[in-house]
Amino acid sequence: MRVEYTFGLEEVEIPYFSVESMEGPEKLFRLATLILNVIEVKERIDVIFHSPNQNDLPRKISSFETILRSAPRSPDVAFEEGEQGSLGSSYYRWVTIHHRNS
């Protein structure tokens, strides 16, 4: 599903993003570049990872963190695991990313 919208990032207190972790590594790379751009202007970003495979979530979150930290001049960020659960046959875990220099 694609949703198009027009509002400025400055109008959003905490940006939220979602990634379906079964879609493959290309989604993690896209999310990482998006987060790197947004974390420059926001001190906190929340991401929900979701998957039909509960065991896949920790691996994908770890891979995402590795990709994010590998960027040239990557900002100093802290990862905080949040709420996790399931809805039917889909599992999810929230992750908050804090910019430490903010």
C-alpha atoms as a PDB file:
ATOM      1  CA  MET A   1       0.000   0.000   0.000  1.00  0.00           C
ATOM      2  CA  ARG A   2       1.238   3.454  -0.844  1.00  0.00           C
ATOM      3  CA  VAL A   3      -0.002   6.517   0.987  1.00  0.00           C
ATOM      4  CA  GLU A   4       0.942   9.959  -0.225  1.00  0.00           C
ATOM      5  CA  TYR A   5       0.743  12.975   2.040  1.00  0.00           C
ATOM      6  CA  THR A   6       1.964  16.523   2.211  1.00  0.00           C
ATOM      7  CA  PHE A   7       3.095  17.939   5.510  1.00  0.00           C
ATOM      8  CA  GLY A   8       6.445  19.056   6.783  1.00  0.00           C
ATOM      9  CA  LEU A   9       8.605  17.051   9.129  1.00  0.00           C
ATOM     10  CA  GLU A  10       8.621  20.066  11.433  1.00  0.00           C
ATOM     11  CA  GLU A  11       4.893  19.475  11.986  1.00  0.00           C
ATOM     12  CA  VAL A  12       5.528  16.005  13.469  1.00  0.00           C
ATOM     13  CA  GLU A  13       6.734  15.752  17.072  1.00  0.00           C
ATOM     14  CA  ILE A  14       7.900  12.124  16.822  1.00  0.00           C
ATOM     15  CA  PRO A  15       8.274  10.551  13.373  1.00  0.00           C
ATOM     16  CA  TYR A  16       6.955   6.981  13.088  1.00  0.00           C
ATOM     17  CA  PHE A  17       7.993   4.408  10.496  1.00  0.00           C
ATOM     18  CA  SER A  18       7.047   0.821   9.779  1.00  0.00           C
ATOM     19  CA  VAL A  19       8.943  -2.007   8.104  1.00  0.00           C
ATOM     20  CA  GLU A  20       7.788  -5.517   7.274  1.00  0.00           C
ATOM     21  CA  SER A  21      10.891  -7.501   8.093  1.00  0.00           C
ATOM     22  CA  MET A  22      10.099 -10.382   5.726  1.00  0.00           C
ATOM     23  CA  GLU A  23      10.514  -8.109   2.701  1.00  0.00           C
ATOM     24  CA  GLY A  24      14.280  -8.507   2.634  1.00  0.00           C
ATOM     25  CA  PRO A  25      17.398  -6.461   3.285  1.00  0.00           C
ATOM     26  CA  GLU A  26      16.613  -3.789   0.689  1.00  0.00           C
ATOM     27  CA  LYS A  27      13.841  -2.497   2.991  1.00  0.00           C
ATOM     28  CA  LEU A  28      16.320  -2.217   5.851  1.00  0.00           C
ATOM     29  CA  PHE A  29      18.730  -0.219   3.687  1.00  0.00           C
ATOM     30  CA  ARG A  30      15.943   2.142   2.588  1.00  0.00           C
ATOM     31  CA  LEU A  31      14.752   2.570   6.155  1.00  0.00           C
ATOM     32  CA  ALA A  32      18.292   3.222   7.404  1.00  0.00           C
ATOM     33  CA  THR A  33      18.886   6.002   4.874  1.00  0.00           C
ATOM     34  CA  LEU A  34      15.534   7.556   5.707  1.00  0.00           C
ATOM     35  CA  ILE A  35      16.284   7.408   9.449  1.00  0.00           C
ATOM     36  CA  LEU A  36      19.746   8.927   8.939  1.00  0.00           C
ATOM     37  CA  ASN A  37      18.168  11.902   7.189  1.00  0.00           C
ATOM     38  CA  VAL A  38      15.379  12.370   9.715  1.00  0.00           C
ATOM     39  CA  ILE A  39      17.573  11.934  12.828  1.00  0.00           C
ATOM     40  CA  GLU A  40      19.473  15.060  11.745  1.00  0.00           C
ATOM     41  CA  VAL A  41      16.416  17.173  12.576  1.00  0.00           C
ATOM     42  CA  LYS A  42      14.554  15.047  15.124  1.00  0.00           C
ATOM     43  CA  GLU A  43      15.930  13.756  18.419  1.00  0.00           C
ATOM     44  CA  ARG A  44      13.662  10.696  18.472  1.00  0.00           C
ATOM     45  CA  ILE A  45      12.198   8.315  15.888  1.00  0.00           C
ATOM     46  CA  ASP A  46       9.938   5.324  16.543  1.00  0.00           C
ATOM     47  CA  VAL A  47       9.950   2.326  14.202  1.00  0.00           C
ATOM     48  CA  ILE A  48       7.656  -0.699  14.280  1.00  0.00           C
ATOM     49  CA  PHE A  49       9.078  -3.912  12.855  1.00  0.00           C
ATOM     50  CA  HIS A  50       6.489  -6.547  11.989  1.00  0.00           C
ATOM     51  CA  SER A  51       6.615 -10.044  10.563  1.00  0.00           C
ATOM     52  CA  PRO A  52       4.674 -13.309  10.429  1.00  0.00           C
ATOM     53  CA  ASN A  53       7.855 -14.942  11.794  1.00  0.00           C
ATOM     54  CA  GLN A  54       8.428 -14.007  15.456  1.00  0.00           C
ATOM     55  CA  ASN A  55      12.036 -15.275  15.384  1.00  0.00           C
ATOM     56  CA  ASP A  56      12.856 -12.996  12.451  1.00  0.00           C
ATOM     57  CA  LEU A  57      12.285  -9.747  14.357  1.00  0.00           C
ATOM     58  CA  PRO A  58      15.415  -9.694  16.586  1.00  0.00           C
ATOM     59  CA  ARG A  59      17.669 -10.597  13.620  1.00  0.00           C
ATOM     60  CA  LYS A  60      16.195  -7.866  11.420  1.00  0.00           C
ATOM     61  CA  ILE A  61      16.391  -5.249  14.162  1.00  0.00           C
ATOM     62  CA  SER A  62      20.028  -6.167  14.784  1.00  0.00           C
ATOM     63  CA  SER A  63      20.795  -6.010  11.047  1.00  0.00           C
ATOM     64  CA  PHE A  64      19.073  -2.637  10.825  1.00  0.00           C
ATOM     65  CA  GLU A  65      21.167  -1.311  13.717  1.00  0.00           C
ATOM     66  CA  THR A  66      24.371  -2.573  12.051  1.00  0.00           C
ATOM     67  CA  ILE A  67      23.454  -0.872   8.768  1.00  0.00           C
ATOM     68  CA  LEU A  68      22.598   2.395  10.524  1.00  0.00           C
ATOM     69  CA  ARG A  69      25.829   2.471  12.535  1.00  0.00           C
ATOM     70  CA  SER A  70      27.955   1.637   9.461  1.00  0.00           C
ATOM     71  CA  ALA A  71      27.137   4.905   7.695  1.00  0.00           C
ATOM     72  CA  PRO A  72      29.974   7.369   7.184  1.00  0.00           C
ATOM     73  CA  ARG A  73      29.680   9.981   9.927  1.00  0.00           C
ATOM     74  CA  SER A  74      26.801   8.074  11.479  1.00  0.00           C
ATOM     75  CA  PRO A  75      25.250  10.076  14.305  1.00  0.00           C
ATOM     76  CA  ASP A  76      25.569   8.857  17.878  1.00  0.00           C
ATOM     77  CA  VAL A  77      22.278   7.028  18.406  1.00  0.00           C
ATOM     78  CA  ALA A  78      20.828   4.836  21.126  1.00  0.00           C
ATOM     79  CA  PHE A  79      18.322   2.061  20.470  1.00  0.00           C
ATOM     80  CA  GLU A  80      15.568   1.336  22.971  1.00  0.00           C
ATOM     81  CA  GLU A  81      13.315  -1.682  22.543  1.00  0.00           C
ATOM     82  CA  GLY A  82       9.679  -0.974  23.213  1.00  0.00           C
ATOM     83  CA  GLU A  83       6.354  -2.736  23.205  1.00  0.00           C
ATOM     84  CA  GLN A  84       6.087  -6.081  21.458  1.00  0.00           C
ATOM     85  CA  GLY A  85       3.220  -8.415  20.782  1.00  0.00           C
ATOM     86  CA  SER A  86       1.133 -10.060  18.139  1.00  0.00           C
ATOM     87  CA  LEU A  87      -2.033  -9.500  16.188  1.00  0.00           C
ATOM     88  CA  GLY A  88      -3.331 -12.732  14.721  1.00  0.00           C
ATOM     89  CA  SER A  89      -0.432 -14.310  12.845  1.00  0.00           C
ATOM     90  CA  SER A  90       1.686 -11.138  12.736  1.00  0.00           C
ATOM     91  CA  TYR A  91       4.285 -10.232  15.366  1.00  0.00           C
ATOM     92  CA  TYR A  92       5.640  -6.764  16.055  1.00  0.00           C
ATOM     93  CA  ARG A  93       8.231  -4.911  18.095  1.00  0.00           C
ATOM     94  CA  TRP A  94       8.630  -1.163  18.514  1.00  0.00           C
ATOM     95  CA  VAL A  95      12.117   0.352  18.579  1.00  0.00           C
ATOM     96  CA  THR A  96      12.867   3.933  19.592  1.00  0.00           C
ATOM     97  CA  ILE A  97      15.988   5.559  18.173  1.00  0.00           C
ATOM     98  CA  HIS A  98      17.363   8.501  20.157  1.00  0.00           C
ATOM     99  CA  HIS A  99      19.910  10.987  18.885  1.00  0.00           C
ATOM    100  CA  ARG A 100      22.356  11.183  21.813  1.00  0.00           C
ATOM    101  CA  ASN A 101      23.657  14.629  20.912  1.00  0.00           C
ATOM    102  CA  SER A 102      20.213  16.208  21.196  1.00  0.00           C
END
